Amino acid sequence: MNALQQQKTAAVWQMPILLVAVVLVYINIPQAAFISWDDADYVTNNPDIHGFTWAHISKWFSSFYIGNYHPLTMASFALDYKIGGASPQTYHITNLVLHGATTCLLYAFVNNIQGNRWVAFFVAMLFAIHPVQTESVSWVAERKNVLSGFFFVWAMYLYTRYAGEEKKITMLWVTLLGIAAMLSKATAVALPVSLLAVDVWLHRPFKQWKLWVEKLPLLLIAFAIGMVAIKAQAAGEFLNSHPANSITETIAFAGYAYVQYIIQLIVPVKLSVLYPYPELTALQWVYTLIAVCIVALAVVAYRRQWYVLSGGIVFYTVNIALVLQFVQFGDVLRADRYLYIACIGVWIPVVQYTFDWLGLKLKEYTPVVLLSIASIALAALTYQRNDIWLSELAFWKAITNTFPNAAIAQSSLGGVYMKQGDYASAQPYIDEAVRLDAGSYKAWYNKGVLHLRKGELAQAAEALDKCIAIHEYPKALFSRALLHQQTGHPLQALADIEKVLSAEPNNARAHFIKANCLVQNGNYETAIASYNKAITYGDGDPLFYLKRGEAHVQTRAFEAAIHDFSLVIEKKADNGEAWYWRGIAKQLAGQMPCHDLNKARNLGYKDAEQALVKFCNSY
């Protein structure tokens, strides 16, 4: 069998093996839960994905979500919601399908640039099953990564075909796929420059002007989307959210991260979802020097026609540079998810040179054996690491075990216990978060909510005040408004809730709290207008209709009140309060109330008995 026949035979079984590997490594992930870290904002508490109307589509393309602009990602969530509703299983399966598809496209891409299906197979395998990929694949909120990656690699694959045939229609498809990648995650703006790395791998001459011109449309679009992405980060208050570093500190941390990411790929130990900023020491400067040498090596390698190495360095550098915190965003220095595409630039030279060097010096099958062993070991690590995504408790415990001084992790772990109603377990973690970082508004917020749920209103007010003094966090303002309302201070509650609505005009529950405060002040007509907005932006909560109905009673709009109470009863027939108030509204409207009042009494609503005695002697 000649080499070409061997290549074709390999293609028949290699791609199915890659897909089986993805399934086996991530086989437990479809049973994983949602994680409160971003999953709530993207999926579980997001009515924007509950339909495919023009209003929904317009919202995706005109809104920022958690400091990001990715309308196609939101569209994919909406599709998942249509298929599986609120079940996390559908969302996880979609992530796995996208990751598997990207793996296959990567296999085809590497085969096109290297002409060796074994090299392509192991590059795709390392991409598919390496532990750093679990964050992108197993976390629902990172749909943006796997969806963008799918379009990104598909575009690169088509670009290799364009480079061979130079058909304009193929380059048009490359551009369209690039736009899709950018509209899934803005970091895909690196694609136009990444294609230069592909040119290096393909030995295309940079002196040809068309090599630059062909990428110009994609580059201009990337610039525009990049500007939108920066605006989104600023709007979400993610830019400069870490204490500002000097220029020299920023360079040192960037160099450290650049090298540390490569180390993580080669030696994947002590992986974490969060990597806080370390103390600045000489180590960071040593790593920065190494980073400079690696970048310089790309130039040397290109001049010596070591195209595999040069292209790999360029590709890795271009894709990781955007997340090296030169423009500071977020609370952490590094994240595994940033390696999802960038790792390709490392794996191609690693695998190619493994075959080149070991295949020449030892037996020709030696690289296959060694890379197979490495793949099995990495797959085992990935399967083990997936455990942290199975529950929120496991997720945050893993982070606090690795970085016990990370205030955000301590606070979030406390938040998980608080959500489970285990306030005793939540308290020490939240207190520790405040101790570690007294300037963390999120830690103070969690502390305030914990005291609020425990009924410790004075301590809750103090913690929420401290949170809001640091940052006017809408959730903290909402909680303090709720506290003011419950303690009989509706005017103070209104002041806070107006700030919430200024930041989140479509917040249904904020409109609801505002309406309740207006009712407390006797402003029923204005309250009804706020209840209307709560219903418009909400998800059909019966409580919204119930309270609007009660306000209608106060304004003597009895038919409107009866209509609202009837809607509540349709949604929840065991709501005694709705039966009672519909009976009262009927009585005031001159209709027969007794059936409704009797139903309310049978459901245990305490005020119904007195009303029955007053209006219905036969009962």
Foldseek 3Di string as FASTA:
>chain_A
DDPVVVQVVCVVPLLVVLLVLLCVLCVCLLLADAAPVQCCQLAVVDCLLCDDDPVSLVDLQPDFGLLFRASVLSPVNSVLCVVPNRRSNSLLVVLSVLLSLLLSLQLLLLCLLPVHSLLSSLLSLLLRQFQLCCVCRRHSSNSLLSQLSSLLSNLSSLVSVCVVVVDLVSLVSSLVSLLNSCSSGLLSLLSLQLVVLSCLSNVPDPVDPVNVVSSVVSNVSSVVSVVVSVVSLVLSVFWCPEPDDDLVVLLLQLLQQLVVLVVCSVPVPLAAQFAADDPDDVVSVVSSVVLVVLLVVLVVCSVVSVSLSNSLSSLLCSQLVVLCPSGPGDRGRDGSSSCSRSCSSVSSVVLVVLQVVCVVVHPNCVSVVVSVVVSVVSSVVNSVVSVCRRYNLSRLVSNCVSPVLQLVSLQSNLVVCVVVVNLVVSVVSLVSSCVSPVLDLSSLLSQLVSCVVVVVLVSNLVSLVSSVVNPLDLVSLQVVLVSCVVVVNLVSSLVSLVVSCVSVVLQLVSLQSNLSSCVSVVNLVVSLVSLVSSCVSDDLPLVSLQVNLVSCVVVLVLVSSLVSLVSSCVVPVLPLSSLQSNLVSCVSVVHHSQVSLVSSVVSPDVVSVVVCVVRPVVD
